[in-house]
All heavy atoms as atom14 arrays in JSON, in Angstrom:
{
  "sequence": "RMIPPHIAQDCQSPGEKILFSRFKEDPDTKDWV",
  "atom14_mask": [
    [1, 1, 1, 1, 1, 1, 1, 1, 1, 1, 1, 0, 0, 0],
    [1, 1, 1, 1, 1, 1, 1, 1, 0, 0, 0, 0, 0, 0],
    [1, 1, 1, 1, 1, 1, 1, 1, 0, 0, 0, 0, 0, 0],
    [1, 1, 1, 1, 1, 1, 1, 0, 0, 0, 0, 0, 0, 0],
    [1, 1, 1, 1, 1, 1, 1, 0, 0, 0, 0, 0, 0, 0],
    [1, 1, 1, 1, 1, 1, 1, 1, 1, 1, 0, 0, 0, 0],
    [1, 1, 1, 1, 1, 1, 1, 1, 0, 0, 0, 0, 0, 0],
    [1, 1, 1, 1, 1, 0, 0, 0, 0, 0, 0, 0, 0, 0],
    [1, 1, 1, 1, 1, 1, 1, 1, 1, 0, 0, 0, 0, 0],
    [1, 1, 1, 1, 1, 1, 1, 1, 0, 0, 0, 0, 0, 0],
    [1, 1, 1, 1, 1, 1, 0, 0, 0, 0, 0, 0, 0, 0],
    [1, 1, 1, 1, 1, 1, 1, 1, 1, 0, 0, 0, 0, 0],
    [1, 1, 1, 1, 1, 1, 0, 0, 0, 0, 0, 0, 0, 0],
    [1, 1, 1, 1, 1, 1, 1, 0, 0, 0, 0, 0, 0, 0],
    [1, 1, 1, 1, 0, 0, 0, 0, 0, 0, 0, 0, 0, 0],
    [1, 1, 1, 1, 1, 1, 1, 1, 1, 0, 0, 0, 0, 0],
    [1, 1, 1, 1, 1, 1, 1, 1, 1, 0, 0, 0, 0, 0],
    [1, 1, 1, 1, 1, 1, 1, 1, 0, 0, 0, 0, 0, 0],
    [1, 1, 1, 1, 1, 1, 1, 1, 0, 0, 0, 0, 0, 0],
    [1, 1, 1, 1, 1, 1, 1, 1, 1, 1, 1, 0, 0, 0],
    [1, 1, 1, 1, 1, 1, 0, 0, 0, 0, 0, 0, 0, 0],
    [1, 1, 1, 1, 1, 1, 1, 1, 1, 1, 1, 0, 0, 0],
    [1, 1, 1, 1, 1, 1, 1, 1, 1, 1, 1, 0, 0, 0],
    [1, 1, 1, 1, 1, 1, 1, 1, 1, 0, 0, 0, 0, 0],
    [1, 1, 1, 1, 1, 1, 1, 1, 1, 0, 0, 0, 0, 0],
    [1, 1, 1, 1, 1, 1, 1, 1, 0, 0, 0, 0, 0, 0],
    [1, 1, 1, 1, 1, 1, 1, 0, 0, 0, 0, 0, 0, 0],
    [1, 1, 1, 1, 1, 1, 1, 1, 0, 0, 0, 0, 0, 0],
    [1, 1, 1, 1, 1, 1, 1, 0, 0, 0, 0, 0, 0, 0],
    [1, 1, 1, 1, 1, 1, 1, 1, 1, 0, 0, 0, 0, 0],
    [1, 1, 1, 1, 1, 1, 1, 1, 0, 0, 0, 0, 0, 0],
    [1, 1, 1, 1, 1, 1, 1, 1, 1, 1, 1, 1, 1, 1],
    [1, 1, 1, 1, 1, 1, 1, 0, 0, 0, 0, 0, 0, 0]
  ],
  "atom14_positions": [
    [[65.92, 12.17, 7.36], [67.28, 12.01, 7.87], [68.2, 12.08, 6.67], [68.17, 11.21, 5.79], [67.43, 10.67, 8.59], [68.83, 10.45, 9.08], [68.93, 9.17, 9.89], [70.31, 8.92, 10.19], [70.87, 7.73, 10.17], [70.13, 6.65, 9.95], [72.14, 7.58, 10.43], [0.0, 0.0, 0.0], [0.0, 0.0, 0.0], [0.0, 0.0, 0.0]],
    [[69.0, 13.12, 6.59], [69.88, 13.35, 5.46], [71.26, 12.81, 5.77], [71.81, 13.05, 6.84], [69.96, 14.85, 5.14], [68.62, 15.52, 4.88], [67.72, 14.86, 3.47], [68.77, 15.33, 2.1], [0.0, 0.0, 0.0], [0.0, 0.0, 0.0], [0.0, 0.0, 0.0], [0.0, 0.0, 0.0], [0.0, 0.0, 0.0], [0.0, 0.0, 0.0]],
    [[71.81, 12.07, 4.82], [73.16, 11.54, 4.95], [73.92, 11.93, 3.69], [73.56, 11.47, 2.61], [73.15, 10.0, 5.13], [72.36, 9.63, 6.39], [74.57, 9.46, 5.18], [72.17, 8.15, 6.59], [0.0, 0.0, 0.0], [0.0, 0.0, 0.0], [0.0, 0.0, 0.0], [0.0, 0.0, 0.0], [0.0, 0.0, 0.0], [0.0, 0.0, 0.0]],
    [[74.94, 12.78, 3.83], [75.39, 13.48, 5.03], [74.35, 14.52, 5.47], [73.48, 14.91, 4.68], [76.69, 14.16, 4.58], [76.58, 14.29, 3.1], [75.72, 13.15, 2.63], [0.0, 0.0, 0.0], [0.0, 0.0, 0.0], [0.0, 0.0, 0.0], [0.0, 0.0, 0.0], [0.0, 0.0, 0.0], [0.0, 0.0, 0.0], [0.0, 0.0, 0.0]],
    [[74.46, 15.0, 6.72], [73.43, 15.91, 7.25], [73.43, 17.31, 6.62], [72.44, 18.03, 6.74], [73.74, 15.98, 8.74], [75.15, 15.53, 8.88], [75.45, 14.63, 7.72], [0.0, 0.0, 0.0], [0.0, 0.0, 0.0], [0.0, 0.0, 0.0], [0.0, 0.0, 0.0], [0.0, 0.0, 0.0], [0.0, 0.0, 0.0], [0.0, 0.0, 0.0]],
    [[74.53, 17.67, 5.97], [74.63, 18.98, 5.33], [75.16, 18.78, 3.92], [75.99, 17.91, 3.68], [75.56, 19.92, 6.1], [75.17, 20.06, 7.54], [74.09, 20.81, 7.95], [75.7, 19.53, 8.66], [73.98, 20.75, 9.25], [74.94, 19.96, 9.72], [0.0, 0.0, 0.0], [0.0, 0.0, 0.0], [0.0, 0.0, 0.0], [0.0, 0.0, 0.0]],
    [[74.69, 19.61, 3.01], [75.17, 19.5, 1.64], [76.61, 19.97, 1.57], [77.01, 20.92, 2.27], [74.25, 20.28, 0.66], [74.51, 19.82, -0.76], [74.41, 21.78, 0.83], [73.36, 20.07, -1.69], [0.0, 0.0, 0.0], [0.0, 0.0, 0.0], [0.0, 0.0, 0.0], [0.0, 0.0, 0.0], [0.0, 0.0, 0.0], [0.0, 0.0, 0.0]],
    [[77.41, 19.29, 0.77], [78.83, 19.62, 0.66], [79.02, 21.03, 0.09], [78.28, 21.46, -0.79], [79.53, 18.6, -0.23], [0.0, 0.0, 0.0], [0.0, 0.0, 0.0], [0.0, 0.0, 0.0], [0.0, 0.0, 0.0], [0.0, 0.0, 0.0], [0.0, 0.0, 0.0], [0.0, 0.0, 0.0], [0.0, 0.0, 0.0], [0.0, 0.0, 0.0]],
    [[80.01, 21.72, 0.61], [80.31, 23.08, 0.14], [80.64, 23.11, -1.34], [80.38, 24.09, -2.02], [81.5, 23.65, 0.94], [81.21, 23.89, 2.39], [80.34, 25.12, 2.6], [80.3, 26.01, 1.77], [79.62, 25.15, 3.71], [0.0, 0.0, 0.0], [0.0, 0.0, 0.0], [0.0, 0.0, 0.0], [0.0, 0.0, 0.0], [0.0, 0.0, 0.0]],
    [[81.23, 22.02, -1.84], [81.65, 22.0, -3.24], [80.58, 21.49, -4.21], [80.85, 21.3, -5.39], [82.94, 21.2, -3.41], [82.78, 19.73, -3.01], [81.73, 19.37, -2.43], [83.72, 18.96, -3.28], [0.0, 0.0, 0.0], [0.0, 0.0, 0.0], [0.0, 0.0, 0.0], [0.0, 0.0, 0.0], [0.0, 0.0, 0.0], [0.0, 0.0, 0.0]],
    [[79.37, 21.3, -3.73], [78.28, 20.88, -4.6], [78.02, 21.97, -5.64], [77.71, 23.1, -5.29], [77.0, 20.58, -3.8], [75.61, 20.1, -4.83], [0.0, 0.0, 0.0], [0.0, 0.0, 0.0], [0.0, 0.0, 0.0], [0.0, 0.0, 0.0], [0.0, 0.0, 0.0], [0.0, 0.0, 0.0], [0.0, 0.0, 0.0], [0.0, 0.0, 0.0]],
    [[78.14, 21.62, -6.9], [78.0, 22.58, -7.99], [76.58, 22.71, -8.51], [76.27, 23.64, -9.24], [78.92, 22.18, -9.15], [80.38, 22.16, -8.79], [80.91, 23.55, -8.53], [80.71, 24.45, -9.33], [81.59, 23.73, -7.42], [0.0, 0.0, 0.0], [0.0, 0.0, 0.0], [0.0, 0.0, 0.0], [0.0, 0.0, 0.0], [0.0, 0.0, 0.0]],
    [[75.71, 21.76, -8.17], [74.38, 21.74, -8.76], [73.36, 22.55, -7.96], [73.02, 22.18, -6.82], [73.88, 20.29, -8.86], [72.52, 20.26, -9.24], [0.0, 0.0, 0.0], [0.0, 0.0, 0.0], [0.0, 0.0, 0.0], [0.0, 0.0, 0.0], [0.0, 0.0, 0.0], [0.0, 0.0, 0.0], [0.0, 0.0, 0.0], [0.0, 0.0, 0.0]],
    [[72.83, 23.62, -8.53], [71.8, 24.37, -7.81], [70.53, 23.53, -7.6], [69.85, 23.67, -6.6], [71.53, 25.58, -8.7], [72.06, 25.22, -10.04], [73.14, 24.21, -9.83], [0.0, 0.0, 0.0], [0.0, 0.0, 0.0], [0.0, 0.0, 0.0], [0.0, 0.0, 0.0], [0.0, 0.0, 0.0], [0.0, 0.0, 0.0], [0.0, 0.0, 0.0]],
    [[70.25, 22.62, -8.53], [69.09, 21.75, -8.39], [69.23, 20.81, -7.21], [68.28, 20.6, -6.45], [0.0, 0.0, 0.0], [0.0, 0.0, 0.0], [0.0, 0.0, 0.0], [0.0, 0.0, 0.0], [0.0, 0.0, 0.0], [0.0, 0.0, 0.0], [0.0, 0.0, 0.0], [0.0, 0.0, 0.0], [0.0, 0.0, 0.0], [0.0, 0.0, 0.0]],
    [[70.4, 20.24, -7.03], [70.64, 19.35, -5.88], [70.54, 20.13, -4.57], [70.0, 19.61, -3.58], [72.01, 18.69, -5.99], [72.08, 17.63, -7.06], [73.45, 17.0, -7.18], [74.09, 16.72, -6.14], [73.9, 16.76, -8.32], [0.0, 0.0, 0.0], [0.0, 0.0, 0.0], [0.0, 0.0, 0.0], [0.0, 0.0, 0.0], [0.0, 0.0, 0.0]],
    [[71.03, 21.35, -4.55], [70.96, 22.17, -3.33], [69.5, 22.43, -2.95], [69.12, 22.31, -1.78], [71.7, 23.49, -3.53], [73.2, 23.33, -3.62], [73.87, 24.66, -3.93], [75.36, 24.49, -4.11], [76.01, 25.76, -4.49], [0.0, 0.0, 0.0], [0.0, 0.0, 0.0], [0.0, 0.0, 0.0], [0.0, 0.0, 0.0], [0.0, 0.0, 0.0]],
    [[68.69, 22.77, -3.93], [67.27, 23.04, -3.68], [66.57, 21.78, -3.16], [65.84, 21.81, -2.17], [66.58, 23.55, -4.96], [67.05, 24.97, -5.27], [65.06, 23.49, -4.84], [66.66, 25.44, -6.65], [0.0, 0.0, 0.0], [0.0, 0.0, 0.0], [0.0, 0.0, 0.0], [0.0, 0.0, 0.0], [0.0, 0.0, 0.0], [0.0, 0.0, 0.0]],
    [[66.8, 20.66, -3.84], [66.14, 19.42, -3.45], [66.61, 18.92, -2.09], [65.82, 18.4, -1.31], [66.33, 18.35, -4.52], [65.66, 18.67, -5.86], [65.98, 17.59, -6.89], [64.15, 18.82, -5.7], [0.0, 0.0, 0.0], [0.0, 0.0, 0.0], [0.0, 0.0, 0.0], [0.0, 0.0, 0.0], [0.0, 0.0, 0.0], [0.0, 0.0, 0.0]],
    [[67.89, 19.1, -1.78], [68.41, 18.72, -0.47], [67.61, 19.45, 0.62], [67.15, 18.83, 1.58], [69.9, 19.07, -0.37], [70.57, 18.54, 0.86], [71.28, 17.35, 0.81], [70.52, 19.23, 2.07], [71.92, 16.85, 1.95], [71.14, 18.75, 3.2], [71.84, 17.56, 3.14], [0.0, 0.0, 0.0], [0.0, 0.0, 0.0], [0.0, 0.0, 0.0]],
    [[67.44, 20.74, 0.46], [66.68, 21.53, 1.44], [65.23, 21.08, 1.5], [64.64, 20.99, 2.59], [66.72, 23.02, 1.08], [68.02, 23.5, 1.22], [0.0, 0.0, 0.0], [0.0, 0.0, 0.0], [0.0, 0.0, 0.0], [0.0, 0.0, 0.0], [0.0, 0.0, 0.0], [0.0, 0.0, 0.0], [0.0, 0.0, 0.0], [0.0, 0.0, 0.0]],
    [[64.65, 20.8, 0.36], [63.25, 20.38, 0.35], [63.05, 19.03, 1.05], [62.08, 18.85, 1.77], [62.72, 20.35, -1.08], [62.57, 21.78, -1.62], [61.9, 21.83, -2.94], [60.54, 21.3, -2.88], [59.79, 21.08, -3.95], [60.27, 21.34, -5.16], [58.56, 20.61, -3.83], [0.0, 0.0, 0.0], [0.0, 0.0, 0.0], [0.0, 0.0, 0.0]],
    [[63.96, 18.09, 0.84], [63.88, 16.81, 1.55], [64.0, 17.04, 3.06], [63.27, 16.46, 3.84], [64.99, 15.85, 1.11], [64.69, 15.09, -0.13], [65.48, 15.23, -1.27], [63.63, 14.19, -0.18], [65.22, 14.5, -2.41], [63.35, 13.46, -1.33], [64.15, 13.62, -2.45], [0.0, 0.0, 0.0], [0.0, 0.0, 0.0], [0.0, 0.0, 0.0]],
    [[64.93, 17.89, 3.42], [65.21, 18.14, 4.84], [64.06, 18.85, 5.54], [63.81, 18.64, 6.71], [66.5, 18.96, 4.95], [67.13, 18.96, 6.3], [68.51, 19.6, 6.23], [69.17, 19.49, 7.57], [70.55, 19.96, 7.55], [0.0, 0.0, 0.0], [0.0, 0.0, 0.0], [0.0, 0.0, 0.0], [0.0, 0.0, 0.0], [0.0, 0.0, 0.0]],
    [[63.31, 19.68, 4.81], [62.27, 20.51, 5.42], [60.85, 19.98, 5.26], [59.94, 20.44, 5.96], [62.36, 21.92, 4.82], [63.65, 22.62, 5.17], [63.9, 23.87, 4.36], [63.01, 24.27, 3.56], [64.99, 24.44, 4.48], [0.0, 0.0, 0.0], [0.0, 0.0, 0.0], [0.0, 0.0, 0.0], [0.0, 0.0, 0.0], [0.0, 0.0, 0.0]],
    [[60.62, 19.01, 4.39], [59.26, 18.5, 4.17], [58.84, 17.63, 5.36], [59.45, 16.6, 5.62], [59.23, 17.68, 2.87], [57.84, 17.22, 2.47], [56.96, 17.07, 3.34], [57.64, 16.97, 1.27], [0.0, 0.0, 0.0], [0.0, 0.0, 0.0], [0.0, 0.0, 0.0], [0.0, 0.0, 0.0], [0.0, 0.0, 0.0], [0.0, 0.0, 0.0]],
    [[57.78, 18.01, 6.09], [57.36, 17.23, 7.25], [56.88, 15.82, 6.89], [56.93, 14.92, 7.73], [56.22, 18.05, 7.87], [55.78, 18.98, 6.8], [56.93, 19.19, 5.88], [0.0, 0.0, 0.0], [0.0, 0.0, 0.0], [0.0, 0.0, 0.0], [0.0, 0.0, 0.0], [0.0, 0.0, 0.0], [0.0, 0.0, 0.0], [0.0, 0.0, 0.0]],
    [[56.48, 15.6, 5.64], [56.01, 14.27, 5.24], [57.15, 13.31, 4.89], [56.91, 12.18, 4.47], [55.03, 14.38, 4.09], [53.73, 15.04, 4.53], [53.33, 14.86, 5.69], [53.12, 15.74, 3.69], [0.0, 0.0, 0.0], [0.0, 0.0, 0.0], [0.0, 0.0, 0.0], [0.0, 0.0, 0.0], [0.0, 0.0, 0.0], [0.0, 0.0, 0.0]],
    [[58.39, 13.75, 5.05], [59.55, 12.87, 4.84], [60.18, 12.46, 6.17], [61.29, 11.93, 6.19], [60.63, 13.55, 3.96], [61.15, 14.69, 4.66], [60.09, 13.96, 2.61], [0.0, 0.0, 0.0], [0.0, 0.0, 0.0], [0.0, 0.0, 0.0], [0.0, 0.0, 0.0], [0.0, 0.0, 0.0], [0.0, 0.0, 0.0], [0.0, 0.0, 0.0]],
    [[59.47, 12.65, 7.27], [60.07, 12.47, 8.6], [60.62, 11.08, 8.87], [61.56, 10.94, 9.62], [59.09, 12.87, 9.7], [57.9, 11.96, 9.83], [56.99, 12.39, 10.95], [55.79, 11.46, 10.95], [54.86, 11.72, 11.96], [0.0, 0.0, 0.0], [0.0, 0.0, 0.0], [0.0, 0.0, 0.0], [0.0, 0.0, 0.0], [0.0, 0.0, 0.0]],
    [[60.08, 10.03, 8.28], [60.59, 8.68, 8.49], [61.54, 8.23, 7.38], [61.97, 7.08, 7.36], [59.43, 7.69, 8.58], [58.53, 7.96, 9.77], [59.03, 8.47, 10.8], [57.31, 7.68, 9.67], [0.0, 0.0, 0.0], [0.0, 0.0, 0.0], [0.0, 0.0, 0.0], [0.0, 0.0, 0.0], [0.0, 0.0, 0.0], [0.0, 0.0, 0.0]],
    [[61.85, 9.11, 6.47], [62.67, 8.75, 5.32], [64.15, 8.93, 5.62], [64.54, 9.75, 6.46], [62.33, 9.63, 4.13], [60.93, 9.52, 3.62], [59.85, 8.94, 4.22], [60.44, 10.07, 2.39], [58.73, 9.08, 3.45], [59.06, 9.76, 2.32], [61.03, 10.77, 1.36], [58.28, 10.14, 1.23], [60.25, 11.15, 0.29], [58.89, 10.83, 0.22]],
    [[64.97, 8.19, 4.88], [66.42, 8.39, 4.88], [66.79, 8.77, 3.45], [66.39, 8.09, 2.5], [67.18, 7.12, 5.31], [68.68, 7.33, 5.2], [66.8, 6.72, 6.74], [0.0, 0.0, 0.0], [0.0, 0.0, 0.0], [0.0, 0.0, 0.0], [0.0, 0.0, 0.0], [0.0, 0.0, 0.0], [0.0, 0.0, 0.0], [0.0, 0.0, 0.0]]
  ]
}
């Protein structure tokens, strides 16, 4: 569960963008916030 649910348009960090997607898509994080 990502808070906020979408990464901000003004996020400048490519690393944060990649990790945001990985957290959101990893099935083993299903109970995580």
